[in-house]
Amino acid sequence: MDTSLIHSLSDAIFHPSLVDWLMQTTAIPSSSVNSSVAFHQNILGQFTSAWNHFIASGQAWSFFIGLALGYIIRSLTSFG
């Protein structure tokens, strides 16, 4: 097999201008590359805030009433 044909094909496929064009058109924007953004999370504070909202909004009462009604309905409809 003629090696000059292989070299000319590889030069055509991997031509520097073609590689440069591919790198420019498929480049990732620099704004999305920075993955080292520091997140200041306060997990305990978020949990406390969610719990206080759960209590203040009346969802806790609804939860306990639903548990009680579900238990009563289950006990009335079960065989045994």
N, C-alpha and C. Protein backbone atom coordinates (compact mmCIF):
# COMPACT_ATOMS: atom_id res chain seq x y z
N MET A 1 0.84 -1.17 0.00
CA MET A 1 0.00 0.00 0.00
C MET A 1 0.89 1.24 0.00
N ASP A 2 0.45 2.22 -0.71
CA ASP A 2 1.23 3.44 -0.87
C ASP A 2 1.08 4.32 0.37
N THR A 3 2.15 4.59 1.06
CA THR A 3 2.09 5.39 2.29
C THR A 3 1.88 6.87 2.00
N SER A 4 2.22 7.30 0.79
CA SER A 4 1.99 8.73 0.47
C SER A 4 0.50 9.04 0.40
N LEU A 5 -0.29 8.07 -0.04
CA LEU A 5 -1.73 8.26 -0.07
C LEU A 5 -2.28 8.39 1.34
N ILE A 6 -1.80 7.56 2.25
CA ILE A 6 -2.24 7.63 3.64
C ILE A 6 -1.84 8.96 4.26
N HIS A 7 -0.62 9.41 3.99
CA HIS A 7 -0.17 10.69 4.54
C HIS A 7 -0.98 11.85 3.96
N SER A 8 -1.30 11.79 2.69
CA SER A 8 -2.06 12.89 2.10
C SER A 8 -3.49 12.90 2.63
N LEU A 9 -4.06 11.71 2.85
CA LEU A 9 -5.40 11.65 3.44
C LEU A 9 -5.40 12.16 4.88
N SER A 10 -4.41 11.75 5.64
CA SER A 10 -4.36 12.21 7.03
C SER A 10 -4.08 13.71 7.09
N ASP A 11 -3.28 14.22 6.15
CA ASP A 11 -3.05 15.67 6.11
C ASP A 11 -4.32 16.41 5.73
N ALA A 12 -5.13 15.83 4.85
CA ALA A 12 -6.37 16.48 4.46
C ALA A 12 -7.39 16.44 5.58
N ILE A 13 -7.44 15.31 6.28
CA ILE A 13 -8.43 15.18 7.35
C ILE A 13 -8.03 16.02 8.55
N PHE A 14 -6.77 15.96 8.92
CA PHE A 14 -6.31 16.65 10.11
C PHE A 14 -5.53 17.91 9.77
N HIS A 15 -5.98 18.60 8.76
CA HIS A 15 -5.32 19.84 8.36
C HIS A 15 -5.44 20.85 9.51
N PRO A 16 -4.40 21.59 9.79
CA PRO A 16 -4.46 22.52 10.93
C PRO A 16 -5.59 23.52 10.87
N SER A 17 -5.92 24.01 9.68
CA SER A 17 -7.01 24.98 9.61
C SER A 17 -8.35 24.30 9.90
N LEU A 18 -8.50 23.04 9.49
CA LEU A 18 -9.73 22.31 9.79
C LEU A 18 -9.85 22.06 11.28
N VAL A 19 -8.74 21.67 11.90
CA VAL A 19 -8.75 21.43 13.34
C VAL A 19 -9.05 22.73 14.08
N ASP A 20 -8.45 23.83 13.66
CA ASP A 20 -8.72 25.13 14.30
C ASP A 20 -10.19 25.51 14.15
N TRP A 21 -10.74 25.29 12.95
CA TRP A 21 -12.14 25.61 12.72
C TRP A 21 -13.05 24.77 13.62
N LEU A 22 -12.75 23.47 13.74
CA LEU A 22 -13.55 22.62 14.61
C LEU A 22 -13.46 23.06 16.07
N MET A 23 -12.28 23.43 16.50
CA MET A 23 -12.10 23.86 17.88
C MET A 23 -12.85 25.16 18.15
N GLN A 24 -12.91 26.04 17.16
CA GLN A 24 -13.61 27.31 17.36
C GLN A 24 -15.12 27.13 17.33
N THR A 25 -15.62 26.26 16.46
CA THR A 25 -17.07 26.11 16.33
C THR A 25 -17.66 25.22 17.42
N THR A 26 -16.86 24.34 17.98
CA THR A 26 -17.38 23.45 19.01
C THR A 26 -16.87 23.83 20.40
N ALA A 27 -16.30 25.01 20.51
CA ALA A 27 -15.73 25.42 21.79
C ALA A 27 -16.85 25.67 22.80
N ILE A 28 -16.59 25.32 24.03
CA ILE A 28 -17.53 25.56 25.12
C ILE A 28 -17.36 27.01 25.56
N PRO A 29 -18.45 27.74 25.73
CA PRO A 29 -18.32 29.13 26.19
C PRO A 29 -17.59 29.19 27.53
N SER A 30 -16.78 30.19 27.66
CA SER A 30 -15.95 30.28 28.88
C SER A 30 -16.80 30.49 30.13
N SER A 31 -18.02 31.01 29.99
CA SER A 31 -18.86 31.23 31.16
C SER A 31 -19.36 29.92 31.75
N SER A 32 -19.46 28.86 30.94
CA SER A 32 -19.94 27.59 31.47
C SER A 32 -18.81 26.66 31.89
N VAL A 33 -17.58 27.07 31.70
CA VAL A 33 -16.45 26.23 32.05
C VAL A 33 -16.15 26.31 33.54
N ASN A 34 -16.41 27.45 34.14
CA ASN A 34 -16.06 27.64 35.54
C ASN A 34 -17.00 26.83 36.42
N SER A 35 -16.56 25.65 36.81
CA SER A 35 -17.39 24.78 37.64
C SER A 35 -16.99 24.86 39.10
N SER A 36 -16.13 25.78 39.44
CA SER A 36 -15.67 25.88 40.82
C SER A 36 -16.36 27.01 41.56
N VAL A 37 -17.64 27.23 41.25
CA VAL A 37 -18.39 28.28 41.93
C VAL A 37 -18.70 27.80 43.34
N ALA A 38 -18.44 28.65 44.31
CA ALA A 38 -18.66 28.28 45.70
C ALA A 38 -20.12 28.52 46.06
N PHE A 39 -20.78 27.50 46.55
CA PHE A 39 -22.15 27.62 47.02
C PHE A 39 -22.12 27.73 48.53
N HIS A 40 -22.72 28.77 49.03
CA HIS A 40 -22.79 28.95 50.48
C HIS A 40 -24.14 28.42 50.94
N GLN A 41 -24.16 27.15 51.31
CA GLN A 41 -25.40 26.51 51.70
C GLN A 41 -25.48 26.42 53.21
N ASN A 42 -26.66 26.71 53.69
CA ASN A 42 -26.94 26.59 55.11
C ASN A 42 -28.04 25.55 55.24
N ILE A 43 -27.66 24.29 55.25
CA ILE A 43 -28.64 23.21 55.20
C ILE A 43 -29.50 23.20 56.45
N LEU A 44 -28.89 23.37 57.59
CA LEU A 44 -29.67 23.38 58.84
C LEU A 44 -30.62 24.58 58.87
N GLY A 45 -30.18 25.71 58.38
CA GLY A 45 -31.04 26.89 58.31
C GLY A 45 -32.20 26.70 57.34
N GLN A 46 -31.92 26.06 56.21
CA GLN A 46 -32.98 25.79 55.24
C GLN A 46 -33.99 24.80 55.81
N PHE A 47 -33.51 23.78 56.52
CA PHE A 47 -34.41 22.81 57.13
C PHE A 47 -35.27 23.48 58.19
N THR A 48 -34.67 24.35 59.01
CA THR A 48 -35.42 25.05 60.05
C THR A 48 -36.48 25.95 59.43
N SER A 49 -36.13 26.64 58.36
CA SER A 49 -37.09 27.51 57.68
C SER A 49 -38.23 26.69 57.09
N ALA A 50 -37.92 25.55 56.48
CA ALA A 50 -38.97 24.69 55.91
C ALA A 50 -39.87 24.13 57.01
N TRP A 51 -39.28 23.73 58.13
CA TRP A 51 -40.07 23.19 59.24
C TRP A 51 -40.98 24.27 59.81
N ASN A 52 -40.48 25.48 59.99
CA ASN A 52 -41.30 26.58 60.50
C ASN A 52 -42.45 26.91 59.54
N HIS A 53 -42.19 26.84 58.25
CA HIS A 53 -43.26 27.07 57.27
C HIS A 53 -44.28 25.93 57.33
N PHE A 54 -43.82 24.70 57.51
CA PHE A 54 -44.70 23.54 57.62
C PHE A 54 -45.65 23.69 58.80
N ILE A 55 -45.14 24.18 59.92
CA ILE A 55 -45.96 24.38 61.11
C ILE A 55 -46.87 25.60 60.95
N ALA A 56 -46.32 26.72 60.50
CA ALA A 56 -47.08 27.98 60.42
C ALA A 56 -48.20 27.92 59.38
N SER A 57 -48.03 27.16 58.33
CA SER A 57 -49.03 27.13 57.26
C SER A 57 -50.17 26.15 57.55
N GLY A 58 -50.09 25.41 58.63
CA GLY A 58 -51.16 24.48 58.97
C GLY A 58 -51.02 23.12 58.33
N GLN A 59 -49.93 22.87 57.65
CA GLN A 59 -49.75 21.59 57.00
C GLN A 59 -49.53 20.47 58.02
N ALA A 60 -49.01 20.82 59.18
CA ALA A 60 -48.80 19.80 60.22
C ALA A 60 -50.14 19.28 60.71
N TRP A 61 -51.11 20.19 60.94
CA TRP A 61 -52.44 19.76 61.36
C TRP A 61 -53.08 18.87 60.30
N SER A 62 -52.96 19.27 59.05
CA SER A 62 -53.53 18.46 57.96
C SER A 62 -52.88 17.08 57.92
N PHE A 63 -51.58 17.01 58.15
CA PHE A 63 -50.88 15.73 58.14
C PHE A 63 -51.41 14.81 59.24
N PHE A 64 -51.53 15.34 60.46
CA PHE A 64 -51.98 14.50 61.58
C PHE A 64 -53.46 14.13 61.46
N ILE A 65 -54.28 15.03 60.97
CA ILE A 65 -55.70 14.70 60.75
C ILE A 65 -55.81 13.63 59.66
N GLY A 66 -55.01 13.73 58.60
CA GLY A 66 -55.02 12.72 57.55
C GLY A 66 -54.55 11.37 58.06
N LEU A 67 -53.54 11.35 58.93
CA LEU A 67 -53.10 10.09 59.53
C LEU A 67 -54.22 9.46 60.36
N ALA A 68 -54.89 10.27 61.18
CA ALA A 68 -55.95 9.76 62.04
C ALA A 68 -57.12 9.24 61.20
N LEU A 69 -57.57 10.01 60.23
CA LEU A 69 -58.68 9.57 59.37
C LEU A 69 -58.30 8.33 58.57
N GLY A 70 -57.09 8.27 58.08
CA GLY A 70 -56.65 7.09 57.34
C GLY A 70 -56.62 5.85 58.22
N TYR A 71 -56.19 6.01 59.46
CA TYR A 71 -56.17 4.87 60.37
C TYR A 71 -57.58 4.41 60.69
N ILE A 72 -58.49 5.36 60.90
CA ILE A 72 -59.88 5.00 61.20
C ILE A 72 -60.52 4.31 60.00
N ILE A 73 -60.34 4.85 58.82
CA ILE A 73 -60.94 4.24 57.62
C ILE A 73 -60.33 2.86 57.37
N ARG A 74 -59.04 2.71 57.57
CA ARG A 74 -58.41 1.40 57.38
C ARG A 74 -58.94 0.39 58.39
N SER A 75 -59.13 0.81 59.63
CA SER A 75 -59.62 -0.13 60.64
C SER A 75 -61.09 -0.49 60.40
N LEU A 76 -61.86 0.39 59.84
CA LEU A 76 -63.28 0.09 59.54
C LEU A 76 -63.43 -0.82 58.32
N THR A 77 -62.49 -0.75 57.38
CA THR A 77 -62.64 -1.49 56.13
C THR A 77 -61.79 -2.76 56.06
N SER A 78 -61.05 -3.04 57.09
CA SER A 78 -60.20 -4.24 57.03
C SER A 78 -60.94 -5.45 57.58
N PHE A 79 -60.56 -6.62 57.11
CA PHE A 79 -61.18 -7.86 57.57
C PHE A 79 -60.22 -8.54 58.52
N GLY A 80 -60.39 -8.34 59.77
CA GLY A 80 -59.52 -9.06 60.66
C GLY A 80 -59.13 -8.28 61.79
